[in-house]
PDB file of all heavy atoms in Angstrom:
ATOM      1  N   VAL A   1       0.874  -1.180   0.000  1.00  0.00           N
ATOM      2  CA  VAL A   1       0.000   0.000   0.000  1.00  0.00           C
ATOM      3  C   VAL A   1       0.908   1.226   0.000  1.00  0.00           C
ATOM      4  O   VAL A   1       1.511   1.567   1.011  1.00  0.00           O
ATOM      5  CB  VAL A   1      -0.964   0.010   1.198  1.00  0.00           C
ATOM      6  CG1 VAL A   1      -1.759   1.309   1.235  1.00  0.00           C
ATOM      7  CG2 VAL A   1      -1.898  -1.192   1.146  1.00  0.00           C
ATOM      8  N   ARG A   2       1.020   1.873  -1.136  1.00  0.00           N
ATOM      9  CA  ARG A   2       1.919   3.026  -1.282  1.00  0.00           C
ATOM     10  C   ARG A   2       1.217   4.350  -1.014  1.00  0.00           C
ATOM     11  O   ARG A   2       1.835   5.295  -0.559  1.00  0.00           O
ATOM     12  CB  ARG A   2       2.501   3.068  -2.696  1.00  0.00           C
ATOM     13  CG  ARG A   2       3.334   1.886  -3.068  1.00  0.00           C
ATOM     14  CD  ARG A   2       4.723   1.997  -2.436  1.00  0.00           C
ATOM     15  NE  ARG A   2       5.556   0.890  -2.790  1.00  0.00           N
ATOM     16  CZ  ARG A   2       6.401   0.887  -3.804  1.00  0.00           C
ATOM     17  NH1 ARG A   2       6.530   1.938  -4.559  1.00  0.00           N
ATOM     18  NH2 ARG A   2       7.123  -0.191  -4.052  1.00  0.00           N
ATOM     19  N   TRP A   3      -0.077   4.434  -1.372  1.00  0.00           N
ATOM     20  CA  TRP A   3      -0.817   5.695  -1.255  1.00  0.00           C
ATOM     21  C   TRP A   3      -2.173   5.438  -0.615  1.00  0.00           C
ATOM     22  O   TRP A   3      -2.759   4.370  -0.749  1.00  0.00           O
ATOM     23  CB  TRP A   3      -1.039   6.326  -2.629  1.00  0.00           C
ATOM     24  CG  TRP A   3       0.208   6.487  -3.413  1.00  0.00           C
ATOM     25  CD1 TRP A   3       1.125   7.513  -3.337  1.00  0.00           C
ATOM     26  CD2 TRP A   3       0.707   5.596  -4.414  1.00  0.00           C
ATOM     27  NE1 TRP A   3       2.140   7.313  -4.229  1.00  0.00           N
ATOM     28  CE2 TRP A   3       1.918   6.136  -4.908  1.00  0.00           C
ATOM     29  CE3 TRP A   3       0.265   4.386  -4.945  1.00  0.00           C
ATOM     30  CZ2 TRP A   3       2.668   5.525  -5.891  1.00  0.00           C
ATOM     31  CZ3 TRP A   3       1.008   3.766  -5.924  1.00  0.00           C
ATOM     32  CH2 TRP A   3       2.197   4.342  -6.387  1.00  0.00           C
ATOM     33  N   TRP A   4      -2.663   6.493   0.023  1.00  0.00           N
ATOM     34  CA  TRP A   4      -3.982   6.437   0.656  1.00  0.00           C
ATOM     35  C   TRP A   4      -4.639   7.792   0.421  1.00  0.00           C
ATOM     36  O   TRP A   4      -4.078   8.838   0.760  1.00  0.00           O
ATOM     37  CB  TRP A   4      -3.821   6.154   2.139  1.00  0.00           C
ATOM     38  CG  TRP A   4      -5.085   6.030   2.931  1.00  0.00           C
ATOM     39  CD1 TRP A   4      -6.359   5.880   2.480  1.00  0.00           C
ATOM     40  CD2 TRP A   4      -5.174   6.033   4.358  1.00  0.00           C
ATOM     41  NE1 TRP A   4      -7.232   5.780   3.526  1.00  0.00           N
ATOM     42  CE2 TRP A   4      -6.528   5.871   4.697  1.00  0.00           C
ATOM     43  CE3 TRP A   4      -4.236   6.162   5.380  1.00  0.00           C
ATOM     44  CZ2 TRP A   4      -6.976   5.831   6.004  1.00  0.00           C
ATOM     45  CZ3 TRP A   4      -4.684   6.119   6.689  1.00  0.00           C
ATOM     46  CH2 TRP A   4      -6.039   5.953   7.005  1.00  0.00           C
ATOM     47  N   ILE A   5      -5.814   7.786  -0.165  1.00  0.00           N
ATOM     48  CA  ILE A   5      -6.577   9.019  -0.392  1.00  0.00           C
ATOM     49  C   ILE A   5      -7.813   8.973   0.500  1.00  0.00           C
ATOM     50  O   ILE A   5      -8.549   7.979   0.508  1.00  0.00           O
ATOM     51  CB  ILE A   5      -6.964   9.195  -1.876  1.00  0.00           C
ATOM     52  CG1 ILE A   5      -5.694   9.354  -2.718  1.00  0.00           C
ATOM     53  CG2 ILE A   5      -7.892  10.395  -2.049  1.00  0.00           C
ATOM     54  CD1 ILE A   5      -5.949   9.463  -4.211  1.00  0.00           C
ATOM     55  N   LEU A   6      -8.017  10.071   1.234  1.00  0.00           N
ATOM     56  CA  LEU A   6      -9.138  10.141   2.161  1.00  0.00           C
ATOM     57  C   LEU A   6      -9.701  11.550   2.171  1.00  0.00           C
ATOM     58  O   LEU A   6      -9.042  12.488   1.746  1.00  0.00           O
ATOM     59  CB  LEU A   6      -8.675   9.733   3.569  1.00  0.00           C
ATOM     60  CG  LEU A   6      -7.487  10.490   4.148  1.00  0.00           C
ATOM     61  CD1 LEU A   6      -7.936  11.623   5.061  1.00  0.00           C
ATOM     62  CD2 LEU A   6      -6.602   9.529   4.912  1.00  0.00           C
ATOM     63  N   ASP A   7     -10.915  11.662   2.655  1.00  0.00           N
ATOM     64  CA  ASP A   7     -11.469  12.996   2.877  1.00  0.00           C
ATOM     65  C   ASP A   7     -11.450  13.239   4.373  1.00  0.00           C
ATOM     66  O   ASP A   7     -11.554  12.312   5.172  1.00  0.00           O
ATOM     67  CB  ASP A   7     -12.865  13.151   2.276  1.00  0.00           C
ATOM     68  CG  ASP A   7     -13.862  12.121   2.780  1.00  0.00           C
ATOM     69  OD1 ASP A   7     -13.449  10.997   3.119  1.00  0.00           O
ATOM     70  OD2 ASP A   7     -15.056  12.431   2.820  1.00  0.00           O
ATOM     71  N   LEU A   8     -11.268  14.490   4.737  1.00  0.00           N
ATOM     72  CA  LEU A   8     -11.069  14.853   6.133  1.00  0.00           C
ATOM     73  C   LEU A   8     -11.878  16.102   6.439  1.00  0.00           C
ATOM     74  O   LEU A   8     -11.918  17.032   5.638  1.00  0.00           O
ATOM     75  CB  LEU A   8      -9.575  15.121   6.364  1.00  0.00           C
ATOM     76  CG  LEU A   8      -9.086  15.292   7.780  1.00  0.00           C
ATOM     77  CD1 LEU A   8      -9.316  14.040   8.610  1.00  0.00           C
ATOM     78  CD2 LEU A   8      -7.604  15.637   7.771  1.00  0.00           C
ATOM     79  N   ALA A   9     -12.515  16.096   7.599  1.00  0.00           N
ATOM     80  CA  ALA A   9     -13.296  17.257   8.040  1.00  0.00           C
ATOM     81  C   ALA A   9     -12.694  17.807   9.325  1.00  0.00           C
ATOM     82  O   ALA A   9     -12.106  17.066  10.116  1.00  0.00           O
ATOM     83  CB  ALA A   9     -14.749  16.864   8.276  1.00  0.00           C
ATOM     84  N   SER A  10     -12.858  19.085   9.532  1.00  0.00           N
ATOM     85  CA  SER A  10     -12.406  19.723  10.774  1.00  0.00           C
ATOM     86  C   SER A  10     -13.459  19.504  11.862  1.00  0.00           C
ATOM     87  O   SER A  10     -14.639  19.265  11.565  1.00  0.00           O
ATOM     88  CB  SER A  10     -12.211  21.219  10.553  1.00  0.00           C
ATOM     89  OG  SER A  10     -13.464  21.845  10.359  1.00  0.00           O
ATOM     90  N   PRO A  11     -13.055  19.609  13.134  1.00  0.00           N
ATOM     91  CA  PRO A  11     -14.032  19.497  14.219  1.00  0.00           C
ATOM     92  C   PRO A  11     -15.141  20.548  14.115  1.00  0.00           C
ATOM     93  O   PRO A  11     -16.297  20.262  14.426  1.00  0.00           O
ATOM     94  CB  PRO A  11     -13.194  19.705  15.481  1.00  0.00           C
ATOM     95  CG  PRO A  11     -11.814  19.311  15.090  1.00  0.00           C
ATOM     96  CD  PRO A  11     -11.688  19.712  13.639  1.00  0.00           C
ATOM     97  N   GLY A  12     -14.801  21.755  13.674  1.00  0.00           N
ATOM     98  CA  GLY A  12     -15.812  22.803  13.530  1.00  0.00           C
ATOM     99  C   GLY A  12     -16.864  22.448  12.498  1.00  0.00           C
ATOM    100  O   GLY A  12     -18.061  22.675  12.705  1.00  0.00           O
ATOM    101  N   LEU A  13     -16.446  21.894  11.385  1.00  0.00           N
ATOM    102  CA  LEU A  13     -17.405  21.473  10.357  1.00  0.00           C
ATOM    103  C   LEU A  13     -18.230  20.292  10.837  1.00  0.00           C
ATOM    104  O   LEU A  13     -19.442  20.233  10.610  1.00  0.00           O
ATOM    105  CB  LEU A  13     -16.688  21.125   9.055  1.00  0.00           C
ATOM    106  CG  LEU A  13     -17.609  20.741   7.903  1.00  0.00           C
ATOM    107  CD1 LEU A  13     -18.491  21.916   7.486  1.00  0.00           C
ATOM    108  CD2 LEU A  13     -16.802  20.245   6.717  1.00  0.00           C
ATOM    109  N   LEU A  14     -17.595  19.358  11.527  1.00  0.00           N
ATOM    110  CA  LEU A  14     -18.322  18.206  12.058  1.00  0.00           C
ATOM    111  C   LEU A  14     -19.423  18.657  13.011  1.00  0.00           C
ATOM    112  O   LEU A  14     -20.558  18.185  12.925  1.00  0.00           O
ATOM    113  CB  LEU A  14     -17.354  17.260  12.769  1.00  0.00           C
ATOM    114  CG  LEU A  14     -17.975  15.996  13.344  1.00  0.00           C
ATOM    115  CD1 LEU A  14     -18.401  15.046  12.245  1.00  0.00           C
ATOM    116  CD2 LEU A  14     -16.990  15.316  14.271  1.00  0.00           C
ATOM    117  N   GLU A  15     -19.104  19.601  13.878  1.00  0.00           N
ATOM    118  CA  GLU A  15     -20.099  20.112  14.815  1.00  0.00           C
ATOM    119  C   GLU A  15     -21.247  20.802  14.083  1.00  0.00           C
ATOM    120  O   GLU A  15     -22.420  20.618  14.420  1.00  0.00           O
ATOM    121  CB  GLU A  15     -19.440  21.070  15.816  1.00  0.00           C
ATOM    122  CG  GLU A  15     -20.359  21.532  16.920  1.00  0.00           C
ATOM    123  CD  GLU A  15     -20.888  20.389  17.777  1.00  0.00           C
ATOM    124  OE1 GLU A  15     -20.193  19.379  17.955  1.00  0.00           O
ATOM    125  OE2 GLU A  15     -22.020  20.520  18.281  1.00  0.00           O
ATOM    126  N   MET A  16     -20.929  21.598  13.070  1.00  0.00           N
ATOM    127  CA  MET A  16     -21.959  22.269  12.291  1.00  0.00           C
ATOM    128  C   MET A  16     -22.874  21.238  11.601  1.00  0.00           C
ATOM    129  O   MET A  16     -24.096  21.376  11.602  1.00  0.00           O
ATOM    130  CB  MET A  16     -21.334  23.178  11.240  1.00  0.00           C
ATOM    131  CG  MET A  16     -22.353  23.977  10.434  1.00  0.00           C
ATOM    132  SD  MET A  16     -21.598  24.937   9.112  1.00  0.00           S
ATOM    133  CE  MET A  16     -21.393  23.681   7.865  1.00  0.00           C
ATOM    134  N   MET A  17     -22.279  20.188  11.040  1.00  0.00           N
ATOM    135  CA  MET A  17     -23.079  19.160  10.362  1.00  0.00           C
ATOM    136  C   MET A  17     -23.937  18.390  11.354  1.00  0.00           C
ATOM    137  O   MET A  17     -25.078  18.046  11.052  1.00  0.00           O
ATOM    138  CB  MET A  17     -22.171  18.211   9.578  1.00  0.00           C
ATOM    139  CG  MET A  17     -21.557  18.873   8.367  1.00  0.00           C
ATOM    140  SD  MET A  17     -20.678  17.750   7.240  1.00  0.00           S
ATOM    141  CE  MET A  17     -19.467  16.993   8.291  1.00  0.00           C
ATOM    142  N   ARG A  18     -23.403  18.127  12.527  1.00  0.00           N
ATOM    143  CA  ARG A  18     -24.196  17.437  13.557  1.00  0.00           C
ATOM    144  C   ARG A  18     -25.423  18.256  13.930  1.00  0.00           C
ATOM    145  O   ARG A  18     -26.511  17.721  14.102  1.00  0.00           O
ATOM    146  CB  ARG A  18     -23.358  17.193  14.801  1.00  0.00           C
ATOM    147  CG  ARG A  18     -22.434  16.030  14.704  1.00  0.00           C
ATOM    148  CD  ARG A  18     -21.686  15.871  16.011  1.00  0.00           C
ATOM    149  NE  ARG A  18     -20.743  14.798  15.960  1.00  0.00           N
ATOM    150  CZ  ARG A  18     -19.666  14.728  16.716  1.00  0.00           C
ATOM    151  NH1 ARG A  18     -19.388  15.678  17.580  1.00  0.00           N
ATOM    152  NH2 ARG A  18     -18.852  13.702  16.618  1.00  0.00           N
ATOM    153  N   LYS A  19     -25.235  19.573  14.071  1.00  0.00           N
ATOM    154  CA  LYS A  19     -26.357  20.433  14.455  1.00  0.00           C
ATOM    155  C   LYS A  19     -27.392  20.542  13.346  1.00  0.00           C
ATOM    156  O   LYS A  19     -28.587  20.544  13.601  1.00  0.00           O
ATOM    157  CB  LYS A  19     -25.853  21.826  14.832  1.00  0.00           C
ATOM    158  CG  LYS A  19     -25.144  21.871  16.155  1.00  0.00           C
ATOM    159  CD  LYS A  19     -24.629  23.259  16.460  1.00  0.00           C
ATOM    160  CE  LYS A  19     -23.894  23.279  17.784  1.00  0.00           C
ATOM    161  NZ  LYS A  19     -23.272  24.581  18.038  1.00  0.00           N
ATOM    162  N   SER A  20     -26.937  20.658  12.115  1.00  0.00           N
ATOM    163  CA  SER A  20     -27.882  20.873  11.020  1.00  0.00           C
ATOM    164  C   SER A  20     -28.476  19.581  10.466  1.00  0.00           C
ATOM    165  O   SER A  20     -29.580  19.590   9.944  1.00  0.00           O
ATOM    166  CB  SER A  20     -27.213  21.658   9.891  1.00  0.00           C
ATOM    167  OG  SER A  20     -26.173  20.896   9.312  1.00  0.00           O
ATOM    168  N   MET A  21     -27.755  18.484  10.579  1.00  0.00           N
ATOM    169  CA  MET A  21     -28.220  17.232   9.967  1.00  0.00           C
ATOM    170  C   MET A  21     -28.338  16.094  10.966  1.00  0.00           C
ATOM    171  O   MET A  21     -28.635  14.969  10.584  1.00  0.00           O
ATOM    172  CB  MET A  21     -27.240  16.816   8.854  1.00  0.00           C
ATOM    173  CG  MET A  21     -27.142  17.826   7.745  1.00  0.00           C
ATOM    174  SD  MET A  21     -25.803  17.505   6.577  1.00  0.00           S
ATOM    175  CE  MET A  21     -25.895  15.787   6.259  1.00  0.00           C
ATOM    176  N   GLY A  22     -28.113  16.365  12.245  1.00  0.00           N
ATOM    177  CA  GLY A  22     -28.056  15.333  13.268  1.00  0.00           C
ATOM    178  C   GLY A  22     -29.216  14.376  13.287  1.00  0.00           C
ATOM    179  O   GLY A  22     -29.032  13.158  13.350  1.00  0.00           O
ATOM    180  N   ARG A  23     -30.420  14.886  13.190  1.00  0.00           N
ATOM    181  CA  ARG A  23     -31.587  13.995  13.263  1.00  0.00           C
ATOM    182  C   ARG A  23     -31.675  13.092  12.044  1.00  0.00           C
ATOM    183  O   ARG A  23     -32.198  11.989  12.119  1.00  0.00           O
ATOM    184  CB  ARG A  23     -32.873  14.793  13.460  1.00  0.00           C
ATOM    185  CG  ARG A  23     -33.223  15.727  12.341  1.00  0.00           C
ATOM    186  CD  ARG A  23     -34.483  16.561  12.689  1.00  0.00           C
ATOM    187  NE  ARG A  23     -34.736  17.529  11.674  1.00  0.00           N
ATOM    188  CZ  ARG A  23     -35.517  17.307  10.612  1.00  0.00           C
ATOM    189  NH1 ARG A  23     -36.134  16.166  10.470  1.00  0.00           N
ATOM    190  NH2 ARG A  23     -35.689  18.247   9.710  1.00  0.00           N
ATOM    191  N   HIS A  24     -31.142  13.526  10.919  1.00  0.00           N
ATOM    192  CA  HIS A  24     -31.167  12.711   9.711  1.00  0.00           C
ATOM    193  C   HIS A  24     -30.090  11.631   9.736  1.00  0.00           C
ATOM    194  O   HIS A  24     -30.153  10.673   8.976  1.00  0.00           O
ATOM    195  CB  HIS A  24     -30.965  13.579   8.466  1.00  0.00           C
ATOM    196  CG  HIS A  24     -32.019  14.615   8.293  1.00  0.00           C
ATOM    197  ND1 HIS A  24     -33.324  14.306   7.986  1.00  0.00           N
ATOM    198  CD2 HIS A  24     -31.964  15.967   8.407  1.00  0.00           C
ATOM    199  CE1 HIS A  24     -34.034  15.415   7.911  1.00  0.00           C
ATOM    200  NE2 HIS A  24     -33.230  16.439   8.160  1.00  0.00           N
ATOM    201  N   LEU A  25     -29.099  11.830  10.594  1.00  0.00           N
ATOM    202  CA  LEU A  25     -27.977  10.900  10.646  1.00  0.00           C
ATOM    203  C   LEU A  25     -27.927  10.117  11.952  1.00  0.00           C
ATOM    204  O   LEU A  25     -26.876   9.632  12.346  1.00  0.00           O
ATOM    205  CB  LEU A  25     -26.662  11.669  10.459  1.00  0.00           C
ATOM    206  CG  LEU A  25     -26.523  12.403   9.133  1.00  0.00           C
ATOM    207  CD1 LEU A  25     -25.282  13.277   9.132  1.00  0.00           C
ATOM    208  CD2 LEU A  25     -26.475  11.414   7.980  1.00  0.00           C
ATOM    209  N   ALA A  26     -29.068   9.970  12.602  1.00  0.00           N
ATOM    210  CA  ALA A  26     -29.107   9.288  13.894  1.00  0.00           C
ATOM    211  C   ALA A  26     -28.568   7.860  13.802  1.00  0.00           C
ATOM    212  O   ALA A  26     -27.903   7.382  14.718  1.00  0.00           O
ATOM    213  CB  ALA A  26     -30.534   9.280  14.438  1.00  0.00           C
ATOM    214  N   SER A  27     -28.825   7.179  12.712  1.00  0.00           N
ATOM    215  CA  SER A  27     -28.352   5.797  12.575  1.00  0.00           C
ATOM    216  C   SER A  27     -26.926   5.725  12.029  1.00  0.00           C
ATOM    217  O   SER A  27     -26.348   4.640  11.966  1.00  0.00           O
ATOM    218  CB  SER A  27     -29.297   4.996  11.684  1.00  0.00           C
ATOM    219  OG  SER A  27     -29.328   5.550  10.394  1.00  0.00           O
ATOM    220  N   ALA A  28     -26.360   6.845  11.626  1.00  0.00           N
ATOM    221  CA  ALA A  28     -24.983   6.891  11.116  1.00  0.00           C
ATOM    222  C   ALA A  28     -24.309   8.169  11.609  1.00  0.00           C
ATOM    223  O   ALA A  28     -24.022   9.070  10.832  1.00  0.00           O
ATOM    224  CB  ALA A  28     -24.984   6.829   9.592  1.00  0.00           C
ATOM    225  N   PRO A  29     -24.048   8.249  12.919  1.00  0.00           N
ATOM    226  CA  PRO A  29     -23.463   9.479  13.458  1.00  0.00           C
ATOM    227  C   PRO A  29     -22.036   9.724  12.957  1.00  0.00           C
ATOM    228  O   PRO A  29     -21.267   8.782  12.768  1.00  0.00           O
ATOM    229  CB  PRO A  29     -23.484   9.250  14.969  1.00  0.00           C
ATOM    230  CG  PRO A  29     -23.528   7.773  15.133  1.00  0.00           C
ATOM    231  CD  PRO A  29     -24.270   7.241  13.942  1.00  0.00           C
ATOM    232  N   MET A  30     -21.731  10.985  12.739  1.00  0.00           N
ATOM    233  CA  MET A  30     -20.386  11.379  12.313  1.00  0.00           C
ATOM    234  C   MET A  30     -19.528  11.541  13.556  1.00  0.00           C
ATOM    235  O   MET A  30     -19.948  12.165  14.524  1.00  0.00           O
ATOM    236  CB  MET A  30     -20.456  12.671  11.508  1.00  0.00           C
ATOM    237  CG  MET A  30     -21.178  12.480  10.187  1.00  0.00           C
ATOM    238  SD  MET A  30     -21.337  14.016   9.274  1.00  0.00           S
ATOM    239  CE  MET A  30     -22.708  14.759  10.163  1.00  0.00           C
ATOM    240  N   ARG A  31     -18.304  10.994  13.505  1.00  0.00           N
ATOM    241  CA  ARG A  31     -17.486  10.946  14.706  1.00  0.00           C
ATOM    242  C   ARG A  31     -16.070  11.477  14.538  1.00  0.00           C
ATOM    243  O   ARG A  31     -15.550  12.085  15.451  1.00  0.00           O
ATOM    244  CB  ARG A  31     -17.395   9.502  15.178  1.00  0.00           C
ATOM    245  CG  ARG A  31     -18.727   8.905  15.549  1.00  0.00           C
ATOM    246  CD  ARG A  31     -18.527   7.468  15.971  1.00  0.00           C
ATOM    247  NE  ARG A  31     -19.745   6.930  16.530  1.00  0.00           N
ATOM    248  CZ  ARG A  31     -20.439   5.958  15.988  1.00  0.00           C
ATOM    249  NH1 ARG A  31     -20.025   5.399  14.873  1.00  0.00           N
ATOM    250  NH2 ARG A  31     -21.535   5.527  16.559  1.00  0.00           N
ATOM    251  N   PHE A  32     -15.423  11.208  13.427  1.00  0.00           N
ATOM    252  CA  PHE A  32     -13.989  11.467  13.320  1.00  0.00           C
ATOM    253  C   PHE A  32     -13.685  12.772  12.604  1.00  0.00           C
ATOM    254  O   PHE A  32     -14.033  12.954  11.438  1.00  0.00           O
ATOM    255  CB  PHE A  32     -13.294  10.322  12.584  1.00  0.00           C
ATOM    256  CG  PHE A  32     -11.806  10.476  12.507  1.00  0.00           C
ATOM    257  CD1 PHE A  32     -11.012  10.258  13.613  1.00  0.00           C
ATOM    258  CD2 PHE A  32     -11.202  10.849  11.323  1.00  0.00           C
ATOM    259  CE1 PHE A  32      -9.640  10.406  13.557  1.00  0.00           C
ATOM    260  CE2 PHE A  32      -9.832  11.002  11.236  1.00  0.00           C
ATOM    261  CZ  PHE A  32      -9.044  10.775  12.361  1.00  0.00           C
ATOM    262  N   ALA A  33     -13.032  13.682  13.318  1.00  0.00           N
ATOM    263  CA  ALA A  33     -12.562  14.959  12.766  1.00  0.00           C
ATOM    264  C   ALA A  33     -11.445  15.429  13.679  1.00  0.00           C
ATOM    265  O   ALA A  33     -11.681  16.148  14.647  1.00  0.00           O
ATOM    266  CB  ALA A  33     -13.692  15.976  12.700  1.00  0.00           C
ATOM    267  N   PRO A  34     -10.212  15.021  13.407  1.00  0.00           N
ATOM    268  CA  PRO A  34      -9.117  15.347  14.327  1.00  0.00           C
ATOM    269  C   PRO A  34      -8.749  16.830  14.299  1.00  0.00           C
ATOM    270  O   PRO A  34      -8.597  17.410  13.221  1.00  0.00           O
ATOM    271  CB  PRO A  34      -7.961  14.490  13.819  1.00  0.00           C
ATOM    272  CG  PRO A  34      -8.253  14.306  12.357  1.00  0.00           C
ATOM    273  CD  PRO A  34      -9.748  14.266  12.247  1.00  0.00           C
ATOM    274  N   PRO A  35      -8.601  17.457  15.467  1.00  0.00           N
ATOM    275  CA  PRO A  35      -8.229  18.871  15.516  1.00  0.00           C
ATOM    276  C   PRO A  35      -6.872  19.149  14.866  1.00  0.00           C
ATOM    277  O   PRO A  35      -6.640  20.234  14.365  1.00  0.00           O
ATOM    278  CB  PRO A  35      -8.181  19.211  17.006  1.00  0.00           C
ATOM    279  CG  PRO A  35      -8.707  18.037  17.724  1.00  0.00           C
ATOM    280  CD  PRO A  35      -8.814  16.894  16.783  1.00  0.00           C
ATOM    281  N   ASP A  36      -5.994  18.127  14.872  1.00  0.00           N
ATOM    282  CA  ASP A  36      -4.672  18.299  14.277  1.00  0.00           C
ATOM    283  C   ASP A  36      -4.656  17.911  12.797  1.00  0.00           C
ATOM    284  O   ASP A  36      -3.591  17.862  12.182  1.00  0.00           O
ATOM    285  CB  ASP A  36      -3.614  17.530  15.058  1.00  0.00           C
ATOM    286  CG  ASP A  36      -3.938  16.062  15.248  1.00  0.00           C
ATOM    287  OD1 ASP A  36      -5.082  15.648  14.997  1.00  0.00           O
ATOM    288  OD2 ASP A  36      -3.035  15.311  15.658  1.00  0.00           O
ATOM    289  N   GLY A  37      -5.815  17.672  12.223  1.00  0.00           N
ATOM    290  CA  GLY A  37      -5.939  17.449  10.781  1.00  0.00           C
ATOM    291  C   GLY A  37      -4.980  16.411  10.248  1.00  0.00           C
ATOM    292  O   GLY A  37      -4.892  15.299  10.774  1.00  0.00           O
TER     293      GLY A  37
END
């Protein structure tokens, strides 16, 4: 495995998405957004 491509969110964006979409994502909560990116 030479390369890994991923998408990454900041904690601030994760919190905003939880507030705006939280009820729609109850069965698939968003969890990972490292402050150190």
